[in-house]
Amino acid sequence: MYYMYIATGIGVIISFIISREKTFKALRIAYKRLVKILPAFITMLILVSIVLFLIPEQLISTYLGGNNRYAGVLIGAVLGSVVLMPGFIAYPLCGILLQKGVAYMVLSAFSTTMMMVGVLTYPVEKAYLGTKVTVIRNLISFAIALVVALATGLFFGEVF
């Protein structure tokens, strides 16, 4: 992670040398966007902290990180399909769940379905795309998420 910080710092310095005006303009835009998402991010951290405090670790590890990883993948995929949250909230949540012992492939299924499958957005999609296209898109996205979870499990050695 430190390499990314160093690379970013070097990139900003190079950008500053090339064009001070554009660099300051980009930094102002980045600051405004940070300020814009910060309340939602802090709220998410507080809510996730409260929920993780109230839900016992054993319950999380039983359903998502237990011995049967395939059941955990399916539960994570179903939960991710129903939950609707932006990536900047979902990824830190996955990091917290990882620290609680949830497997990478379960987190992969959860986060991928959260971004690709839209049970809560079904009415809006249906209005624009029609029922058939919406159902097909969601089923294909769910299947792709399961393949991605399996590939993640293979990569991290969690499948066998």
N, C-alpha and C. Protein backbone atom coordinates (compact mmCIF):
# COMPACT_ATOMS: atom_id res chain seq x y z
N MET A 1 0.82 -1.19 0.00
CA MET A 1 0.00 0.00 0.00
C MET A 1 0.87 1.26 0.00
N TYR A 2 2.00 1.17 0.68
CA TYR A 2 2.88 2.33 0.74
C TYR A 2 3.42 2.70 -0.64
N TYR A 3 3.56 1.70 -1.50
CA TYR A 3 4.03 1.97 -2.86
C TYR A 3 3.05 2.85 -3.62
N MET A 4 1.76 2.63 -3.36
CA MET A 4 0.74 3.45 -4.02
C MET A 4 0.82 4.91 -3.53
N TYR A 5 1.05 5.08 -2.23
CA TYR A 5 1.19 6.43 -1.69
C TYR A 5 2.40 7.13 -2.31
N ILE A 6 3.50 6.41 -2.40
CA ILE A 6 4.72 6.97 -2.97
C ILE A 6 4.52 7.30 -4.44
N ALA A 7 3.90 6.38 -5.19
CA ALA A 7 3.64 6.62 -6.62
C ALA A 7 2.71 7.81 -6.80
N THR A 8 1.70 7.94 -5.95
CA THR A 8 0.79 9.08 -6.04
C THR A 8 1.52 10.38 -5.74
N GLY A 9 2.35 10.38 -4.71
CA GLY A 9 3.12 11.57 -4.37
C GLY A 9 4.04 11.99 -5.50
N ILE A 10 4.72 11.01 -6.09
CA ILE A 10 5.61 11.31 -7.22
C ILE A 10 4.81 11.85 -8.40
N GLY A 11 3.63 11.26 -8.63
CA GLY A 11 2.77 11.73 -9.72
C GLY A 11 2.33 13.16 -9.52
N VAL A 12 1.96 13.51 -8.29
CA VAL A 12 1.55 14.90 -7.99
C VAL A 12 2.73 15.85 -8.17
N ILE A 13 3.90 15.45 -7.73
CA ILE A 13 5.09 16.31 -7.89
C ILE A 13 5.39 16.53 -9.37
N ILE A 14 5.34 15.45 -10.17
CA ILE A 14 5.59 15.59 -11.61
C ILE A 14 4.53 16.48 -12.25
N SER A 15 3.28 16.28 -11.86
CA SER A 15 2.20 17.11 -12.40
C SER A 15 2.40 18.58 -12.01
N PHE A 16 2.84 18.81 -10.77
CA PHE A 16 3.10 20.17 -10.31
C PHE A 16 4.22 20.83 -11.11
N ILE A 17 5.25 20.07 -11.43
CA ILE A 17 6.37 20.60 -12.22
C ILE A 17 5.91 20.94 -13.63
N ILE A 18 5.07 20.08 -14.20
CA ILE A 18 4.61 20.29 -15.58
C ILE A 18 3.63 21.45 -15.67
N SER A 19 2.64 21.48 -14.77
CA SER A 19 1.64 22.54 -14.81
C SER A 19 1.06 22.77 -13.42
N ARG A 20 1.46 23.86 -12.81
CA ARG A 20 0.96 24.18 -11.48
C ARG A 20 -0.54 24.42 -11.47
N GLU A 21 -1.03 25.15 -12.49
CA GLU A 21 -2.45 25.50 -12.54
C GLU A 21 -3.33 24.26 -12.62
N LYS A 22 -2.98 23.34 -13.51
CA LYS A 22 -3.79 22.12 -13.67
C LYS A 22 -3.71 21.24 -12.42
N THR A 23 -2.55 21.21 -11.79
CA THR A 23 -2.40 20.41 -10.58
C THR A 23 -3.26 20.96 -9.46
N PHE A 24 -3.23 22.29 -9.26
CA PHE A 24 -4.06 22.89 -8.23
C PHE A 24 -5.55 22.71 -8.54
N LYS A 25 -5.90 22.81 -9.81
CA LYS A 25 -7.29 22.61 -10.22
C LYS A 25 -7.73 21.17 -9.90
N ALA A 26 -6.88 20.20 -10.22
CA ALA A 26 -7.19 18.79 -9.95
C ALA A 26 -7.29 18.53 -8.45
N LEU A 27 -6.39 19.13 -7.67
CA LEU A 27 -6.43 18.94 -6.22
C LEU A 27 -7.67 19.58 -5.61
N ARG A 28 -8.12 20.72 -6.14
CA ARG A 28 -9.36 21.34 -5.67
C ARG A 28 -10.56 20.44 -5.97
N ILE A 29 -10.59 19.87 -7.17
CA ILE A 29 -11.69 18.97 -7.55
C ILE A 29 -11.68 17.74 -6.63
N ALA A 30 -10.51 17.18 -6.40
CA ALA A 30 -10.40 16.00 -5.53
C ALA A 30 -10.85 16.33 -4.11
N TYR A 31 -10.48 17.51 -3.61
CA TYR A 31 -10.88 17.93 -2.27
C TYR A 31 -12.39 18.07 -2.18
N LYS A 32 -12.99 18.70 -3.19
CA LYS A 32 -14.45 18.88 -3.18
C LYS A 32 -15.16 17.53 -3.20
N ARG A 33 -14.66 16.59 -3.97
CA ARG A 33 -15.28 15.26 -4.02
C ARG A 33 -15.11 14.52 -2.70
N LEU A 34 -13.95 14.67 -2.08
CA LEU A 34 -13.73 14.05 -0.78
C LEU A 34 -14.71 14.59 0.25
N VAL A 35 -14.85 15.91 0.27
CA VAL A 35 -15.77 16.54 1.22
C VAL A 35 -17.20 16.09 0.95
N LYS A 36 -17.52 15.87 -0.31
CA LYS A 36 -18.88 15.47 -0.68
C LYS A 36 -19.21 14.06 -0.20
N ILE A 37 -18.25 13.12 -0.29
CA ILE A 37 -18.54 11.74 0.12
C ILE A 37 -18.20 11.46 1.58
N LEU A 38 -17.49 12.37 2.23
CA LEU A 38 -17.07 12.14 3.60
C LEU A 38 -18.22 11.89 4.58
N PRO A 39 -19.32 12.66 4.54
CA PRO A 39 -20.41 12.38 5.48
C PRO A 39 -20.99 10.97 5.31
N ALA A 40 -21.19 10.53 4.08
CA ALA A 40 -21.72 9.18 3.85
C ALA A 40 -20.71 8.13 4.31
N PHE A 41 -19.44 8.37 4.08
CA PHE A 41 -18.41 7.43 4.47
C PHE A 41 -18.32 7.32 6.00
N ILE A 42 -18.35 8.43 6.68
CA ILE A 42 -18.28 8.41 8.15
C ILE A 42 -19.53 7.75 8.73
N THR A 43 -20.69 8.07 8.15
CA THR A 43 -21.94 7.45 8.60
C THR A 43 -21.87 5.94 8.41
N MET A 44 -21.35 5.50 7.27
CA MET A 44 -21.22 4.08 7.01
C MET A 44 -20.30 3.42 8.03
N LEU A 45 -19.18 4.05 8.32
CA LEU A 45 -18.25 3.48 9.29
C LEU A 45 -18.89 3.35 10.67
N ILE A 46 -19.66 4.35 11.06
CA ILE A 46 -20.34 4.31 12.35
C ILE A 46 -21.38 3.19 12.37
N LEU A 47 -22.21 3.12 11.32
CA LEU A 47 -23.25 2.10 11.27
C LEU A 47 -22.67 0.69 11.21
N VAL A 48 -21.65 0.51 10.39
CA VAL A 48 -21.02 -0.81 10.30
C VAL A 48 -20.39 -1.19 11.63
N SER A 49 -19.77 -0.23 12.30
CA SER A 49 -19.17 -0.51 13.60
C SER A 49 -20.22 -0.93 14.61
N ILE A 50 -21.36 -0.24 14.61
CA ILE A 50 -22.44 -0.59 15.55
C ILE A 50 -22.98 -1.98 15.24
N VAL A 51 -23.23 -2.25 13.96
CA VAL A 51 -23.77 -3.56 13.57
C VAL A 51 -22.77 -4.67 13.91
N LEU A 52 -21.50 -4.46 13.61
CA LEU A 52 -20.50 -5.48 13.91
C LEU A 52 -20.30 -5.66 15.41
N PHE A 53 -20.56 -4.60 16.18
CA PHE A 53 -20.48 -4.72 17.63
C PHE A 53 -21.66 -5.54 18.16
N LEU A 54 -22.85 -5.32 17.57
CA LEU A 54 -24.05 -6.01 18.05
C LEU A 54 -24.14 -7.46 17.57
N ILE A 55 -23.61 -7.74 16.38
CA ILE A 55 -23.65 -9.10 15.85
C ILE A 55 -22.38 -9.82 16.30
N PRO A 56 -22.55 -10.94 16.98
CA PRO A 56 -21.37 -11.67 17.46
C PRO A 56 -20.48 -12.16 16.31
N GLU A 57 -19.18 -12.13 16.55
CA GLU A 57 -18.22 -12.60 15.53
C GLU A 57 -18.50 -14.03 15.12
N GLN A 58 -18.93 -14.83 16.07
CA GLN A 58 -19.20 -16.23 15.78
C GLN A 58 -20.34 -16.37 14.77
N LEU A 59 -21.33 -15.50 14.85
CA LEU A 59 -22.45 -15.54 13.90
C LEU A 59 -21.98 -15.19 12.49
N ILE A 60 -21.14 -14.16 12.39
CA ILE A 60 -20.60 -13.77 11.08
C ILE A 60 -19.75 -14.89 10.51
N SER A 61 -18.87 -15.44 11.32
CA SER A 61 -17.99 -16.49 10.82
C SER A 61 -18.76 -17.77 10.53
N THR A 62 -19.87 -18.02 11.23
CA THR A 62 -20.67 -19.21 10.98
C THR A 62 -21.34 -19.13 9.61
N TYR A 63 -21.95 -18.00 9.30
CA TYR A 63 -22.72 -17.89 8.06
C TYR A 63 -21.88 -17.49 6.85
N LEU A 64 -20.90 -16.65 7.06
CA LEU A 64 -20.10 -16.20 5.92
C LEU A 64 -18.71 -16.80 5.87
N GLY A 65 -18.16 -17.13 7.00
CA GLY A 65 -16.78 -17.61 7.01
C GLY A 65 -16.62 -18.99 7.60
N GLY A 66 -17.70 -19.74 7.65
CA GLY A 66 -17.64 -21.07 8.24
C GLY A 66 -16.87 -22.07 7.41
N ASN A 67 -16.98 -23.32 7.80
CA ASN A 67 -16.26 -24.39 7.12
C ASN A 67 -16.74 -24.59 5.69
N ASN A 68 -18.03 -24.40 5.44
CA ASN A 68 -18.57 -24.58 4.10
C ASN A 68 -18.52 -23.25 3.35
N ARG A 69 -17.45 -23.03 2.64
CA ARG A 69 -17.24 -21.76 1.94
C ARG A 69 -18.24 -21.57 0.80
N TYR A 70 -18.69 -22.68 0.21
CA TYR A 70 -19.63 -22.56 -0.90
C TYR A 70 -20.99 -22.04 -0.42
N ALA A 71 -21.42 -22.47 0.76
CA ALA A 71 -22.64 -21.92 1.35
C ALA A 71 -22.42 -20.44 1.67
N GLY A 72 -21.24 -20.10 2.17
CA GLY A 72 -20.92 -18.70 2.45
C GLY A 72 -20.94 -17.86 1.19
N VAL A 73 -20.45 -18.43 0.08
CA VAL A 73 -20.48 -17.71 -1.20
C VAL A 73 -21.92 -17.45 -1.62
N LEU A 74 -22.77 -18.47 -1.50
CA LEU A 74 -24.17 -18.29 -1.89
C LEU A 74 -24.88 -17.28 -0.99
N ILE A 75 -24.64 -17.37 0.32
CA ILE A 75 -25.26 -16.41 1.24
C ILE A 75 -24.74 -15.00 0.95
N GLY A 76 -23.44 -14.86 0.74
CA GLY A 76 -22.86 -13.56 0.41
C GLY A 76 -23.41 -13.02 -0.90
N ALA A 77 -23.58 -13.89 -1.89
CA ALA A 77 -24.11 -13.46 -3.19
C ALA A 77 -25.56 -13.01 -3.07
N VAL A 78 -26.34 -13.74 -2.31
CA VAL A 78 -27.75 -13.34 -2.12
C VAL A 78 -27.84 -12.03 -1.35
N LEU A 79 -27.05 -11.90 -0.28
CA LEU A 79 -27.05 -10.64 0.48
C LEU A 79 -26.59 -9.47 -0.40
N GLY A 80 -25.56 -9.69 -1.18
CA GLY A 80 -25.06 -8.64 -2.06
C GLY A 80 -26.07 -8.26 -3.13
N SER A 81 -26.87 -9.22 -3.58
CA SER A 81 -27.89 -8.93 -4.59
C SER A 81 -28.99 -8.04 -4.05
N VAL A 82 -29.29 -8.19 -2.77
CA VAL A 82 -30.38 -7.44 -2.16
C VAL A 82 -29.91 -6.08 -1.66
N VAL A 83 -28.69 -6.02 -1.16
CA VAL A 83 -28.17 -4.78 -0.57
C VAL A 83 -27.79 -3.80 -1.69
N LEU A 84 -28.01 -2.55 -1.44
CA LEU A 84 -27.66 -1.52 -2.41
C LEU A 84 -26.79 -0.47 -1.70
N MET A 85 -25.51 -0.45 -2.05
CA MET A 85 -24.62 0.56 -1.49
C MET A 85 -23.50 0.84 -2.49
N PRO A 86 -23.01 2.07 -2.49
CA PRO A 86 -21.94 2.41 -3.43
C PRO A 86 -20.61 1.76 -3.05
N GLY A 87 -19.71 1.70 -4.03
CA GLY A 87 -18.43 1.05 -3.84
C GLY A 87 -17.60 1.62 -2.71
N PHE A 88 -17.64 2.94 -2.54
CA PHE A 88 -16.81 3.53 -1.50
C PHE A 88 -17.28 3.17 -0.11
N ILE A 89 -18.47 2.59 0.00
CA ILE A 89 -18.94 2.06 1.27
C ILE A 89 -18.74 0.55 1.32
N ALA A 90 -18.97 -0.12 0.19
CA ALA A 90 -18.91 -1.58 0.14
C ALA A 90 -17.50 -2.10 0.39
N TYR A 91 -16.50 -1.48 -0.20
CA TYR A 91 -15.14 -2.00 -0.09
C TYR A 91 -14.58 -1.91 1.33
N PRO A 92 -14.77 -0.80 2.04
CA PRO A 92 -14.31 -0.82 3.45
C PRO A 92 -15.07 -1.84 4.29
N LEU A 93 -16.36 -2.04 3.99
CA LEU A 93 -17.12 -3.07 4.70
C LEU A 93 -16.51 -4.44 4.45
N CYS A 94 -16.13 -4.72 3.22
CA CYS A 94 -15.47 -6.00 2.91
C CYS A 94 -14.15 -6.12 3.66
N GLY A 95 -13.43 -5.03 3.79
CA GLY A 95 -12.18 -5.05 4.56
C GLY A 95 -12.42 -5.41 6.01
N ILE A 96 -13.48 -4.87 6.58
CA ILE A 96 -13.82 -5.19 7.97
C ILE A 96 -14.22 -6.66 8.09
N LEU A 97 -15.03 -7.15 7.14
CA LEU A 97 -15.44 -8.55 7.16
C LEU A 97 -14.24 -9.48 6.97
N LEU A 98 -13.28 -9.06 6.16
CA LEU A 98 -12.06 -9.85 5.98
C LEU A 98 -11.31 -10.00 7.31
N GLN A 99 -11.26 -8.92 8.07
CA GLN A 99 -10.62 -8.99 9.38
C GLN A 99 -11.37 -9.90 10.35
N LYS A 100 -12.67 -10.07 10.11
CA LYS A 100 -13.49 -10.95 10.95
C LYS A 100 -13.38 -12.41 10.54
N GLY A 101 -12.60 -12.69 9.48
CA GLY A 101 -12.38 -14.07 9.08
C GLY A 101 -13.18 -14.55 7.90
N VAL A 102 -13.85 -13.66 7.21
CA VAL A 102 -14.62 -14.04 6.03
C VAL A 102 -13.65 -14.25 4.87
N ALA A 103 -13.86 -15.31 4.11
CA ALA A 103 -12.96 -15.69 3.02
C ALA A 103 -13.03 -14.71 1.86
N TYR A 104 -11.95 -14.64 1.10
CA TYR A 104 -11.89 -13.76 -0.05
C TYR A 104 -12.97 -14.08 -1.07
N MET A 105 -13.23 -15.37 -1.30
CA MET A 105 -14.21 -15.72 -2.31
C MET A 105 -15.62 -15.33 -1.88
N VAL A 106 -15.91 -15.36 -0.60
CA VAL A 106 -17.21 -14.91 -0.09
C VAL A 106 -17.32 -13.39 -0.27
N LEU A 107 -16.27 -12.68 0.06
CA LEU A 107 -16.27 -11.23 -0.12
C LEU A 107 -16.37 -10.86 -1.59
N SER A 108 -15.75 -11.65 -2.43
CA SER A 108 -15.83 -11.41 -3.87
C SER A 108 -17.27 -11.56 -4.35
N ALA A 109 -17.94 -12.63 -3.92
CA ALA A 109 -19.34 -12.85 -4.31
C ALA A 109 -20.22 -11.72 -3.79
N PHE A 110 -20.00 -11.34 -2.54
CA PHE A 110 -20.80 -10.29 -1.91
C PHE A 110 -20.64 -8.95 -2.64
N SER A 111 -19.40 -8.53 -2.84
CA SER A 111 -19.17 -7.21 -3.44
C SER A 111 -19.52 -7.19 -4.92
N THR A 112 -19.28 -8.29 -5.64
CA THR A 112 -19.58 -8.32 -7.06
C THR A 112 -21.09 -8.29 -7.30
N THR A 113 -21.84 -9.08 -6.54
CA THR A 113 -23.30 -9.03 -6.71
C THR A 113 -23.86 -7.70 -6.26
N MET A 114 -23.24 -7.10 -5.26
CA MET A 114 -23.72 -5.80 -4.80
C MET A 114 -23.61 -4.76 -5.91
N MET A 115 -22.56 -4.85 -6.71
CA MET A 115 -22.36 -3.87 -7.79
C MET A 115 -23.11 -4.24 -9.07
N MET A 116 -23.33 -5.53 -9.30
CA MET A 116 -23.84 -5.96 -10.61
C MET A 116 -25.31 -6.39 -10.60
N VAL A 117 -25.79 -6.93 -9.49
CA VAL A 117 -27.15 -7.44 -9.44
C VAL A 117 -28.01 -6.44 -8.69
N GLY A 118 -29.19 -6.15 -9.24
CA GLY A 118 -30.02 -5.12 -8.64
C GLY A 118 -31.42 -5.57 -8.32
N VAL A 119 -31.58 -6.23 -7.16
CA VAL A 119 -32.92 -6.61 -6.74
C VAL A 119 -33.71 -5.35 -6.36
N LEU A 120 -33.08 -4.44 -5.63
CA LEU A 120 -33.77 -3.21 -5.23
C LEU A 120 -33.97 -2.25 -6.39
N THR A 121 -33.13 -2.32 -7.40
CA THR A 121 -33.28 -1.44 -8.56
C THR A 121 -34.13 -2.06 -9.66
N TYR A 122 -34.70 -3.23 -9.39
CA TYR A 122 -35.50 -3.92 -10.39
C TYR A 122 -36.63 -3.06 -10.97
N PRO A 123 -37.42 -2.35 -10.15
CA PRO A 123 -38.51 -1.55 -10.74
C PRO A 123 -38.03 -0.48 -11.73
N VAL A 124 -36.92 0.15 -11.42
CA VAL A 124 -36.39 1.18 -12.32
C VAL A 124 -35.87 0.54 -13.61
N GLU A 125 -35.12 -0.55 -13.47
CA GLU A 125 -34.61 -1.25 -14.65
C GLU A 125 -35.75 -1.76 -15.51
N LYS A 126 -36.78 -2.28 -14.87
CA LYS A 126 -37.92 -2.82 -15.60
C LYS A 126 -38.61 -1.73 -16.42
N ALA A 127 -38.69 -0.54 -15.85
CA ALA A 127 -39.33 0.57 -16.55
C ALA A 127 -38.55 0.97 -17.80
N TYR A 128 -37.23 0.92 -17.72
CA TYR A 128 -36.40 1.34 -18.85
C TYR A 128 -36.07 0.21 -19.82
N LEU A 129 -35.82 -0.99 -19.29
CA LEU A 129 -35.34 -2.09 -20.12
C LEU A 129 -36.40 -3.15 -20.41
N GLY A 130 -37.45 -3.20 -19.62
CA GLY A 130 -38.45 -4.24 -19.75
C GLY A 130 -38.14 -5.38 -18.80
N THR A 131 -39.15 -6.17 -18.52
CA THR A 131 -39.01 -7.26 -17.55
C THR A 131 -38.02 -8.31 -18.02
N LYS A 132 -38.16 -8.75 -19.25
CA LYS A 132 -37.33 -9.84 -19.75
C LYS A 132 -35.84 -9.48 -19.72
N VAL A 133 -35.50 -8.32 -20.23
CA VAL A 133 -34.10 -7.89 -20.26
C VAL A 133 -33.56 -7.71 -18.85
N THR A 134 -34.36 -7.16 -17.97
CA THR A 134 -33.93 -6.94 -16.58
C THR A 134 -33.65 -8.27 -15.88
N VAL A 135 -34.54 -9.22 -16.03
CA VAL A 135 -34.35 -10.53 -15.39
C VAL A 135 -33.12 -11.23 -15.97
N ILE A 136 -32.99 -11.22 -17.29
CA ILE A 136 -31.84 -11.86 -17.93
C ILE A 136 -30.54 -11.21 -17.50
N ARG A 137 -30.52 -9.87 -17.47
CA ARG A 137 -29.30 -9.15 -17.06
C ARG A 137 -28.92 -9.51 -15.63
N ASN A 138 -29.89 -9.54 -14.73
CA ASN A 138 -29.61 -9.86 -13.33
C ASN A 138 -29.15 -11.30 -13.17
N LEU A 139 -29.76 -12.24 -13.89
CA LEU A 139 -29.33 -13.64 -13.80
C LEU A 139 -27.92 -13.84 -14.34
N ILE A 140 -27.62 -13.20 -15.46
CA ILE A 140 -26.27 -13.29 -16.02
C ILE A 140 -25.26 -12.65 -15.07
N SER A 141 -25.61 -11.50 -14.50
CA SER A 141 -24.71 -10.83 -13.55
C SER A 141 -24.47 -11.69 -12.32
N PHE A 142 -25.52 -12.37 -11.84
CA PHE A 142 -25.37 -13.26 -10.69
C PHE A 142 -24.43 -14.40 -11.02
N ALA A 143 -24.61 -15.00 -12.20
CA ALA A 143 -23.74 -16.11 -12.62
C ALA A 143 -22.30 -15.64 -12.76
N ILE A 144 -22.09 -14.47 -13.35
CA ILE A 144 -20.74 -13.93 -13.49
C ILE A 144 -20.12 -13.70 -12.12
N ALA A 145 -20.90 -13.20 -11.17
CA ALA A 145 -20.38 -12.97 -9.82
C ALA A 145 -19.95 -14.28 -9.17
N LEU A 146 -20.69 -15.36 -9.41
CA LEU A 146 -20.29 -16.65 -8.85
C LEU A 146 -19.01 -17.16 -9.50
N VAL A 147 -18.86 -16.93 -10.80
CA VAL A 147 -17.62 -17.32 -11.50
C VAL A 147 -16.44 -16.51 -10.97
N VAL A 148 -16.66 -15.22 -10.75
CA VAL A 148 -15.61 -14.36 -10.21
C VAL A 148 -15.23 -14.83 -8.80
N ALA A 149 -16.22 -15.20 -7.99
CA ALA A 149 -15.94 -15.70 -6.64
C ALA A 149 -15.14 -16.99 -6.71
N LEU A 150 -15.49 -17.87 -7.63
CA LEU A 150 -14.74 -19.12 -7.78
C LEU A 150 -13.30 -18.85 -8.22
N ALA A 151 -13.14 -17.92 -9.17
CA ALA A 151 -11.79 -17.56 -9.62
C ALA A 151 -10.99 -16.94 -8.48
N THR A 152 -11.63 -16.13 -7.67
CA THR A 152 -10.96 -15.54 -6.50
C THR A 152 -10.54 -16.63 -5.53
N GLY A 153 -11.43 -17.59 -5.31
CA GLY A 153 -11.10 -18.70 -4.43
C GLY A 153 -9.95 -19.54 -4.96
N LEU A 154 -9.91 -19.74 -6.27
CA LEU A 154 -8.78 -20.47 -6.86
C LEU A 154 -7.48 -19.69 -6.68
N PHE A 155 -7.55 -18.38 -6.91
CA PHE A 155 -6.35 -17.54 -6.82
C PHE A 155 -5.80 -17.53 -5.39
N PHE A 156 -6.68 -17.47 -4.40
CA PHE A 156 -6.23 -17.41 -3.01
C PHE A 156 -6.15 -18.78 -2.34
N GLY A 157 -6.38 -19.84 -3.12
CA GLY A 157 -6.26 -21.20 -2.59
C GLY A 157 -7.34 -21.57 -1.61
N GLU A 158 -8.52 -21.04 -1.77
CA GLU A 158 -9.62 -21.32 -0.85
C GLU A 158 -10.60 -22.36 -1.38
N VAL A 159 -10.44 -22.78 -2.61
CA VAL A 159 -11.43 -23.66 -3.22
C VAL A 159 -11.27 -25.10 -2.75
N PHE A 160 -10.07 -25.60 -2.70
CA PHE A 160 -9.89 -27.01 -2.36
C PHE A 160 -9.24 -27.18 -1.01
